[in-house]
Amino acid sequence: MERMKSFCMPVTLQRNIHKHTMLDNQINRAVYKMFYVFDDNSSQEIRNFLGLYDVELLYEEKRTKFLRKTHALSHVVLNSSTM
């Protein structure tokens, strides 16, 4: 699962709903095959347990972290240059 997250996450940095849906479907198929589940509720529970949330949500989390780091870095750079 960690490999799937590390492979899929760079692609999710592009905001494209079609790609997000496609990646969600691929993750669902992998969960179905790995855990031998055949219904959406079981698949969703497994994904939540493993931290494989909806790709759109993962995208927003990554984007928010990036913006926070960028914002914090810009404050450090600006504060150090004024000293």
Protein backbone atom coordinates (compact mmCIF):
# COMPACT_ATOMS: atom_id res chain seq x y z
CA MET A 1 0.00 0.00 0.00
CA GLU A 2 2.82 2.40 0.78
CA ARG A 3 4.26 1.83 -2.67
CA MET A 4 0.88 2.54 -4.21
CA LYS A 5 0.63 5.79 -2.25
CA SER A 6 4.15 6.86 -3.19
CA PHE A 7 3.56 6.01 -6.84
CA CYS A 8 0.13 7.60 -7.14
CA MET A 9 0.62 10.73 -5.07
CA PRO A 10 2.92 12.60 -7.50
CA VAL A 11 0.27 12.21 -10.18
CA THR A 12 -2.37 13.59 -7.84
CA LEU A 13 -0.53 16.87 -7.48
CA GLN A 14 -2.12 17.82 -10.77
CA ARG A 15 -5.70 18.90 -10.22
CA ASN A 16 -7.56 16.79 -12.73
CA ILE A 17 -10.86 15.19 -11.71
CA HIS A 18 -10.64 12.53 -14.44
CA LYS A 19 -7.24 11.40 -13.18
CA HIS A 20 -8.46 11.39 -9.59
CA THR A 21 -11.43 9.20 -10.49
CA MET A 22 -9.18 6.90 -12.50
CA LEU A 23 -6.73 6.57 -9.58
CA ASP A 24 -9.57 5.93 -7.13
CA ASN A 25 -10.82 3.14 -9.38
CA GLN A 26 -7.33 1.62 -9.60
CA ILE A 27 -6.95 1.71 -5.82
CA ASN A 28 -10.38 0.09 -5.42
CA ARG A 29 -9.44 -2.68 -7.85
CA ALA A 30 -6.20 -3.32 -5.96
CA VAL A 31 -8.07 -3.47 -2.63
CA TYR A 32 -10.64 -5.87 -4.12
CA LYS A 33 -7.90 -8.19 -5.33
CA MET A 34 -5.66 -8.03 -2.26
CA PHE A 35 -8.37 -8.48 0.34
CA TYR A 36 -10.87 -10.54 -1.67
CA VAL A 37 -13.75 -8.11 -1.10
CA PHE A 38 -16.47 -7.54 -3.64
CA ASP A 39 -18.60 -4.73 -2.27
CA ASP A 40 -17.93 -1.01 -2.04
CA ASN A 41 -18.58 -0.70 1.71
CA SER A 42 -15.93 -3.26 2.62
CA SER A 43 -13.49 -1.71 0.18
CA GLN A 44 -14.08 1.76 1.61
CA GLU A 45 -13.60 0.52 5.18
CA ILE A 46 -10.31 -1.14 4.25
CA ARG A 47 -9.15 2.01 2.44
CA ASN A 48 -9.99 4.16 5.46
CA PHE A 49 -8.20 1.76 7.80
CA LEU A 50 -5.08 1.84 5.61
CA GLY A 51 -5.21 5.61 5.13
CA LEU A 52 -6.04 5.34 1.43
CA TYR A 53 -8.67 8.02 1.46
CA ASP A 54 -10.37 9.51 -1.57
CA VAL A 55 -7.74 10.80 -3.98
CA GLU A 56 -9.30 14.27 -3.99
CA LEU A 57 -8.90 14.42 -0.20
CA LEU A 58 -5.30 13.21 -0.42
CA TYR A 59 -4.64 15.89 -3.04
CA GLU A 60 -6.03 18.61 -0.76
CA GLU A 61 -3.94 17.37 2.18
CA LYS A 62 -0.74 17.38 0.12
CA ARG A 63 -1.55 20.81 -1.30
CA THR A 64 -2.23 22.26 2.14
CA LYS A 65 1.03 20.86 3.54
CA PHE A 66 2.95 22.28 0.59
CA LEU A 67 1.39 25.72 1.01
CA ARG A 68 2.09 25.72 4.76
CA LYS A 69 5.74 24.82 4.19
CA THR A 70 6.06 27.45 1.48
CA HIS A 71 4.44 30.07 3.71
CA ALA A 72 6.67 29.18 6.67
CA LEU A 73 9.77 29.18 4.47
CA SER A 74 8.95 32.60 3.06
CA HIS A 75 8.65 33.98 6.62
CA VAL A 76 12.02 32.50 7.55
CA VAL A 77 13.68 33.94 4.46
CA LEU A 78 12.09 37.37 4.92
CA ASN A 79 12.93 37.51 8.64
CA SER A 80 16.54 36.41 8.14
CA SER A 81 17.10 38.94 5.35
CA THR A 82 15.91 41.86 7.49
CA MET A 83 18.38 41.09 10.31
